[in-house]
Amino acid sequence: CGAGQEMLPFVRNGAFGIGLDYVPETGQVGFQKYSDQGLRDRVGFLRGSGDLLPISDRSLDAVICRGVLMFLNNERALAEFARVIREDGLLFIMFQAPAYYWWKLRNGILTGKILSSIHAARVLYAGSVFRLTGHQPRGRLTAGGEIFETRKYITAACKENGLEKIGEMPDTNKKTPFMIFRKSASSSEQ
């Protein structure tokens, strides 16, 4: 979650926000950011991973996953998001589509940032392996398991977990779609 900036509009409107990040310094900058705005008592920060959430079943009204899914075990993360969201709760999810990595590959070549191009090529390779085999590869040829996602995959995987697509955010684009899902009532009974 970094400094928790994505939950700021919710917190400003009265919600209690919980930020989650894997780095040990989780929350340090976030607490300061929220303290500066007089909202320190409206947030909490946890250290953990999005594919193993330290949060109770059906306890959240919304989950925001912006720009991190490509680093997580996708199947576990999407199942975890669905597990912690209450009936009629929302999942906001932004991810890097193949177009983002193709742009990064081309841009790296054109600007001489070869390492950026190599990174993009590794992600395109790993994402292709995942699409073909259903196995998210991790190893030296991949970028630490980082893969690309597609609208089709995210929509289908969310549906399998009882999350229905209800729209996209206004800032969505071809390279980084930002989709919104709602947890259906029938999936809450599972």
C-alpha atoms as a PDB file:
ATOM      1  CA  CYS A   1       0.000   0.000   0.000  1.00  0.00           C
ATOM      2  CA  GLY A   2       2.984   2.309   0.265  1.00  0.00           C
ATOM      3  CA  ALA A   3       1.694   5.344   2.179  1.00  0.00           C
ATOM      4  CA  GLY A   4      -1.916   4.248   1.782  1.00  0.00           C
ATOM      5  CA  GLN A   5      -2.765   7.025  -0.664  1.00  0.00           C
ATOM      6  CA  GLU A   6      -5.390   4.899  -2.459  1.00  0.00           C
ATOM      7  CA  MET A   7      -7.539   4.641   0.662  1.00  0.00           C
ATOM      8  CA  LEU A   8      -7.395   8.375   1.424  1.00  0.00           C
ATOM      9  CA  PRO A   9     -10.737   9.271  -0.263  1.00  0.00           C
ATOM     10  CA  PHE A  10     -12.477   6.529   1.730  1.00  0.00           C
ATOM     11  CA  VAL A  11     -10.876   7.591   5.020  1.00  0.00           C
ATOM     12  CA  ARG A  12     -11.760  11.245   4.390  1.00  0.00           C
ATOM     13  CA  ASN A  13     -15.386  10.110   4.050  1.00  0.00           C
ATOM     14  CA  GLY A  14     -15.415   8.318   7.410  1.00  0.00           C
ATOM     15  CA  ALA A  15     -14.080   4.830   6.667  1.00  0.00           C
ATOM     16  CA  PHE A  16     -11.375   3.137   8.703  1.00  0.00           C
ATOM     17  CA  GLY A  17      -8.549   2.190   6.333  1.00  0.00           C
ATOM     18  CA  ILE A  18      -6.099  -0.678   6.682  1.00  0.00           C
ATOM     19  CA  GLY A  19      -2.957  -0.525   4.580  1.00  0.00           C
ATOM     20  CA  LEU A  20      -0.987  -3.687   3.875  1.00  0.00           C
ATOM     21  CA  ASP A  21       2.530  -3.889   2.492  1.00  0.00           C
ATOM     22  CA  TYR A  22       5.336  -6.419   2.568  1.00  0.00           C
ATOM     23  CA  VAL A  23       8.201  -4.059   3.407  1.00  0.00           C
ATOM     24  CA  PRO A  24       9.288  -3.748   7.053  1.00  0.00           C
ATOM     25  CA  GLU A  25       8.786   0.039   7.020  1.00  0.00           C
ATOM     26  CA  THR A  26       5.085  -0.396   6.269  1.00  0.00           C
ATOM     27  CA  GLY A  27       3.015   2.449   7.595  1.00  0.00           C
ATOM     28  CA  GLN A  28       5.796   4.810   8.654  1.00  0.00           C
ATOM     29  CA  VAL A  29       5.177   7.289   5.836  1.00  0.00           C
ATOM     30  CA  GLY A  30       1.459   6.508   5.839  1.00  0.00           C
ATOM     31  CA  PHE A  31       0.986   7.330   9.512  1.00  0.00           C
ATOM     32  CA  GLN A  32       2.759  10.646   8.960  1.00  0.00           C
ATOM     33  CA  LYS A  33       0.645  11.386   5.869  1.00  0.00           C
ATOM     34  CA  TYR A  34      -2.584  10.701   7.739  1.00  0.00           C
ATOM     35  CA  SER A  35      -1.385  12.505  10.887  1.00  0.00           C
ATOM     36  CA  ASP A  36      -0.690  15.632   8.816  1.00  0.00           C
ATOM     37  CA  GLN A  37      -4.328  15.556   7.692  1.00  0.00           C
ATOM     38  CA  GLY A  38      -5.753  14.878  11.157  1.00  0.00           C
ATOM     39  CA  LEU A  39      -6.774  11.337  10.191  1.00  0.00           C
ATOM     40  CA  ARG A  40      -4.197   9.265  12.105  1.00  0.00           C
ATOM     41  CA  ASP A  41      -6.872   7.544  14.214  1.00  0.00           C
ATOM     42  CA  ARG A  42      -8.744   6.430  11.066  1.00  0.00           C
ATOM     43  CA  VAL A  43      -5.987   4.156   9.679  1.00  0.00           C
ATOM     44  CA  GLY A  44      -3.926   1.121  10.571  1.00  0.00           C
ATOM     45  CA  PHE A  45      -1.044  -0.503   8.725  1.00  0.00           C
ATOM     46  CA  LEU A  46      -0.131  -4.178   8.624  1.00  0.00           C
ATOM     47  CA  ARG A  47       2.871  -5.991   7.229  1.00  0.00           C
ATOM     48  CA  GLY A  48       1.980  -8.930   5.015  1.00  0.00           C
ATOM     49  CA  SER A  49       1.317 -10.193   1.526  1.00  0.00           C
ATOM     50  CA  GLY A  50      -1.767  -9.830  -0.635  1.00  0.00           C
ATOM     51  CA  ASP A  51      -1.798 -13.549  -1.344  1.00  0.00           C
ATOM     52  CA  LEU A  52      -2.038 -14.416   2.376  1.00  0.00           C
ATOM     53  CA  LEU A  53      -4.057 -11.671   4.048  1.00  0.00           C
ATOM     54  CA  PRO A  54      -3.902 -11.411   7.855  1.00  0.00           C
ATOM     55  CA  ILE A  55      -7.566 -10.358   7.891  1.00  0.00           C
ATOM     56  CA  SER A  56     -10.747 -12.188   8.998  1.00  0.00           C
ATOM     57  CA  ASP A  57     -13.246 -13.640   6.539  1.00  0.00           C
ATOM     58  CA  ARG A  58     -15.908 -11.243   5.232  1.00  0.00           C
ATOM     59  CA  SER A  59     -14.625  -8.338   7.339  1.00  0.00           C
ATOM     60  CA  LEU A  60     -13.962  -5.618   4.740  1.00  0.00           C
ATOM     61  CA  ASP A  61     -16.281  -3.436   2.700  1.00  0.00           C
ATOM     62  CA  ALA A  62     -13.648  -2.853   0.012  1.00  0.00           C
ATOM     63  CA  VAL A  63     -10.222  -4.006  -1.107  1.00  0.00           C
ATOM     64  CA  ILE A  64      -8.001  -1.844  -3.286  1.00  0.00           C
ATOM     65  CA  CYS A  65      -5.239  -3.606  -5.193  1.00  0.00           C
ATOM     66  CA  ARG A  66      -3.426  -1.126  -7.375  1.00  0.00           C
ATOM     67  CA  GLY A  67      -0.290  -2.168  -9.198  1.00  0.00           C
ATOM     68  CA  VAL A  68       0.767  -5.140  -7.073  1.00  0.00           C
ATOM     69  CA  LEU A  69      -1.135  -8.164  -8.388  1.00  0.00           C
ATOM     70  CA  MET A  70       1.565  -8.909 -10.968  1.00  0.00           C
ATOM     71  CA  PHE A  71       4.003  -9.688  -8.129  1.00  0.00           C
ATOM     72  CA  LEU A  72       1.633 -11.989  -6.210  1.00  0.00           C
ATOM     73  CA  ASN A  73       0.453 -15.521  -6.743  1.00  0.00           C
ATOM     74  CA  ASN A  74      -2.569 -14.416  -8.767  1.00  0.00           C
ATOM     75  CA  GLU A  75      -4.893 -17.298  -7.952  1.00  0.00           C
ATOM     76  CA  ARG A  76      -4.235 -17.107  -4.208  1.00  0.00           C
ATOM     77  CA  ALA A  77      -4.435 -13.309  -4.109  1.00  0.00           C
ATOM     78  CA  LEU A  78      -7.780 -13.138  -5.914  1.00  0.00           C
ATOM     79  CA  ALA A  79      -9.171 -15.892  -3.663  1.00  0.00           C
ATOM     80  CA  GLU A  80      -7.916 -13.977  -0.603  1.00  0.00           C
ATOM     81  CA  PHE A  81      -9.511 -10.725  -1.777  1.00  0.00           C
ATOM     82  CA  ALA A  82     -12.838 -12.534  -2.226  1.00  0.00           C
ATOM     83  CA  ARG A  83     -12.483 -14.205   1.183  1.00  0.00           C
ATOM     84  CA  VAL A  84     -12.107 -10.963   3.129  1.00  0.00           C
ATOM     85  CA  ILE A  85     -14.762  -8.907   1.300  1.00  0.00           C
ATOM     86  CA  ARG A  86     -18.284  -8.795   2.756  1.00  0.00           C
ATOM     87  CA  GLU A  87     -21.412  -9.465   0.706  1.00  0.00           C
ATOM     88  CA  ASP A  88     -21.885  -6.584  -1.755  1.00  0.00           C
ATOM     89  CA  GLY A  89     -18.354  -5.392  -0.936  1.00  0.00           C
ATOM     90  CA  LEU A  90     -16.105  -4.055  -3.668  1.00  0.00           C
ATOM     91  CA  LEU A  91     -12.747  -4.971  -5.174  1.00  0.00           C
ATOM     92  CA  PHE A  92     -10.898  -2.199  -6.991  1.00  0.00           C
ATOM     93  CA  ILE A  93      -8.078  -3.741  -8.984  1.00  0.00           C
ATOM     94  CA  MET A  94      -5.541  -2.095 -11.276  1.00  0.00           C
ATOM     95  CA  PHE A  95      -3.004  -4.177 -13.154  1.00  0.00           C
ATOM     96  CA  GLN A  96      -0.427  -3.968 -15.917  1.00  0.00           C
ATOM     97  CA  ALA A  97      -1.746  -5.448 -19.154  1.00  0.00           C
ATOM     98  CA  PRO A  98       0.522  -6.788 -21.920  1.00  0.00           C
ATOM     99  CA  ALA A  99       0.322  -3.380 -23.641  1.00  0.00           C
ATOM    100  CA  TYR A 100       2.167  -1.837 -20.680  1.00  0.00           C
ATOM    101  CA  TYR A 101       5.107  -4.236 -20.986  1.00  0.00           C
ATOM    102  CA  TRP A 102       5.214  -3.950 -24.798  1.00  0.00           C
ATOM    103  CA  TRP A 103       5.370  -0.154 -24.350  1.00  0.00           C
ATOM    104  CA  LYS A 104       8.110  -0.558 -21.715  1.00  0.00           C
ATOM    105  CA  LEU A 105      10.091  -2.893 -24.004  1.00  0.00           C
ATOM    106  CA  ARG A 106       9.863  -0.495 -26.974  1.00  0.00           C
ATOM    107  CA  ASN A 107      10.481   2.616 -24.860  1.00  0.00           C
ATOM    108  CA  GLY A 108      13.546   1.032 -23.247  1.00  0.00           C
ATOM    109  CA  ILE A 109      15.034   0.262 -26.647  1.00  0.00           C
ATOM    110  CA  LEU A 110      14.284   3.727 -28.023  1.00  0.00           C
ATOM    111  CA  THR A 111      15.705   5.550 -24.985  1.00  0.00           C
ATOM    112  CA  GLY A 112      18.683   3.245 -24.429  1.00  0.00           C
ATOM    113  CA  LYS A 113      17.299   1.887 -21.149  1.00  0.00           C
ATOM    114  CA  ILE A 114      18.143  -1.692 -22.025  1.00  0.00           C
ATOM    115  CA  LEU A 115      17.605  -3.044 -18.494  1.00  0.00           C
ATOM    116  CA  SER A 116      14.039  -1.753 -18.641  1.00  0.00           C
ATOM    117  CA  SER A 117      13.550  -3.577 -21.936  1.00  0.00           C
ATOM    118  CA  ILE A 118      15.030  -6.771 -20.505  1.00  0.00           C
ATOM    119  CA  HIS A 119      12.690  -6.550 -17.517  1.00  0.00           C
ATOM    120  CA  ALA A 120       9.693  -6.093 -19.824  1.00  0.00           C
ATOM    121  CA  ALA A 121      10.764  -9.059 -21.972  1.00  0.00           C
ATOM    122  CA  ARG A 122      11.082 -11.259 -18.862  1.00  0.00           C
ATOM    123  CA  VAL A 123       7.587 -10.284 -17.695  1.00  0.00           C
ATOM    124  CA  LEU A 124       6.129 -10.901 -21.160  1.00  0.00           C
ATOM    125  CA  TYR A 125       7.781 -14.327 -21.166  1.00  0.00           C
ATOM    126  CA  ALA A 126       6.520 -15.215 -17.661  1.00  0.00           C
ATOM    127  CA  GLY A 127       3.034 -13.906 -18.404  1.00  0.00           C
ATOM    128  CA  SER A 128       2.892 -15.957 -21.602  1.00  0.00           C
ATOM    129  CA  VAL A 129       3.951 -19.098 -19.737  1.00  0.00           C
ATOM    130  CA  PHE A 130       1.225 -18.416 -17.150  1.00  0.00           C
ATOM    131  CA  ARG A 131      -1.427 -17.937 -19.838  1.00  0.00           C
ATOM    132  CA  LEU A 132      -0.395 -21.152 -21.631  1.00  0.00           C
ATOM    133  CA  THR A 133       0.133 -23.440 -18.626  1.00  0.00           C
ATOM    134  CA  GLY A 134      -1.753 -21.903 -15.698  1.00  0.00           C
ATOM    135  CA  HIS A 135       1.536 -22.045 -13.748  1.00  0.00           C
ATOM    136  CA  GLN A 136       3.042 -18.747 -12.592  1.00  0.00           C
ATOM    137  CA  PRO A 137       6.770 -19.267 -13.203  1.00  0.00           C
ATOM    138  CA  ARG A 138       9.385 -18.005 -10.783  1.00  0.00           C
ATOM    139  CA  GLY A 139      13.071 -18.172 -11.467  1.00  0.00           C
ATOM    140  CA  ARG A 140      16.065 -16.539 -13.102  1.00  0.00           C
ATOM    141  CA  LEU A 141      14.397 -16.071 -16.488  1.00  0.00           C
ATOM    142  CA  THR A 142      11.400 -14.366 -14.962  1.00  0.00           C
ATOM    143  CA  ALA A 143      11.264 -11.049 -13.170  1.00  0.00           C
ATOM    144  CA  GLY A 144      10.769 -12.574  -9.715  1.00  0.00           C
ATOM    145  CA  GLY A 145       7.487 -14.152 -10.736  1.00  0.00           C
ATOM    146  CA  GLU A 146       6.079 -10.883 -12.096  1.00  0.00           C
ATOM    147  CA  ILE A 147       3.522 -11.472 -14.833  1.00  0.00           C
ATOM    148  CA  PHE A 148       1.083  -9.446 -16.872  1.00  0.00           C
ATOM    149  CA  GLU A 149      -2.666  -9.797 -16.499  1.00  0.00           C
ATOM    150  CA  THR A 150      -5.470  -9.396 -19.003  1.00  0.00           C
ATOM    151  CA  ARG A 151      -9.024  -8.139 -18.588  1.00  0.00           C
ATOM    152  CA  LYS A 152     -10.276 -11.549 -19.679  1.00  0.00           C
ATOM    153  CA  TYR A 153      -8.200 -13.406 -17.073  1.00  0.00           C
ATOM    154  CA  ILE A 154      -9.003 -11.008 -14.226  1.00  0.00           C
ATOM    155  CA  THR A 155     -12.726 -11.064 -15.033  1.00  0.00           C
ATOM    156  CA  ALA A 156     -12.822 -14.886 -15.213  1.00  0.00           C
ATOM    157  CA  ALA A 157     -10.695 -15.406 -12.085  1.00  0.00           C
ATOM    158  CA  CYS A 158     -12.779 -12.935 -10.106  1.00  0.00           C
ATOM    159  CA  LYS A 159     -15.986 -14.593 -11.300  1.00  0.00           C
ATOM    160  CA  GLU A 160     -14.668 -17.974 -10.069  1.00  0.00           C
ATOM    161  CA  ASN A 161     -14.278 -16.318  -6.659  1.00  0.00           C
ATOM    162  CA  GLY A 162     -17.787 -14.836  -6.594  1.00  0.00           C
ATOM    163  CA  LEU A 163     -16.824 -11.355  -7.753  1.00  0.00           C
ATOM    164  CA  GLU A 164     -18.836  -9.771 -10.577  1.00  0.00           C
ATOM    165  CA  LYS A 165     -17.383  -7.024 -12.763  1.00  0.00           C
ATOM    166  CA  ILE A 166     -19.463  -3.869 -12.391  1.00  0.00           C
ATOM    167  CA  GLY A 167     -17.282  -1.313 -14.168  1.00  0.00           C
ATOM    168  CA  GLU A 168     -13.978   0.423 -14.619  1.00  0.00           C
ATOM    169  CA  MET A 169     -12.515   3.501 -13.007  1.00  0.00           C
ATOM    170  CA  PRO A 170     -12.447   6.754 -14.996  1.00  0.00           C
ATOM    171  CA  ASP A 171      -8.631   6.691 -15.163  1.00  0.00           C
ATOM    172  CA  THR A 172      -8.470   3.219 -16.704  1.00  0.00           C
ATOM    173  CA  ASN A 173      -6.460   2.802 -19.884  1.00  0.00           C
ATOM    174  CA  LYS A 174      -5.281   0.065 -22.220  1.00  0.00           C
ATOM    175  CA  LYS A 175      -1.933  -0.365 -20.480  1.00  0.00           C
ATOM    176  CA  THR A 176      -3.183  -0.303 -16.880  1.00  0.00           C
ATOM    177  CA  PRO A 177      -6.867  -1.221 -16.591  1.00  0.00           C
ATOM    178  CA  PHE A 178      -8.538  -0.341 -13.277  1.00  0.00           C
ATOM    179  CA  MET A 179     -11.592  -2.556 -12.812  1.00  0.00           C
ATOM    180  CA  ILE A 180     -14.308  -2.725 -10.151  1.00  0.00           C
ATOM    181  CA  PHE A 181     -15.909  -5.950  -8.917  1.00  0.00           C
ATOM    182  CA  ARG A 182     -18.712  -6.611  -6.422  1.00  0.00           C
ATOM    183  CA  LYS A 183     -18.973  -9.688  -4.237  1.00  0.00           C
ATOM    184  CA  SER A 184     -22.229 -11.462  -4.923  1.00  0.00           C
ATOM    185  CA  ALA A 185     -24.538 -12.583  -2.134  1.00  0.00           C
ATOM    186  CA  SER A 186     -24.349 -16.245  -3.170  1.00  0.00           C
ATOM    187  CA  SER A 187     -20.558 -16.324  -2.801  1.00  0.00           C
ATOM    188  CA  SER A 188     -20.783 -14.960   0.767  1.00  0.00           C
ATOM    189  CA  GLU A 189     -22.564 -18.110   1.890  1.00  0.00           C
ATOM    190  CA  GLN A 190     -19.613 -20.331   0.934  1.00  0.00           C
END
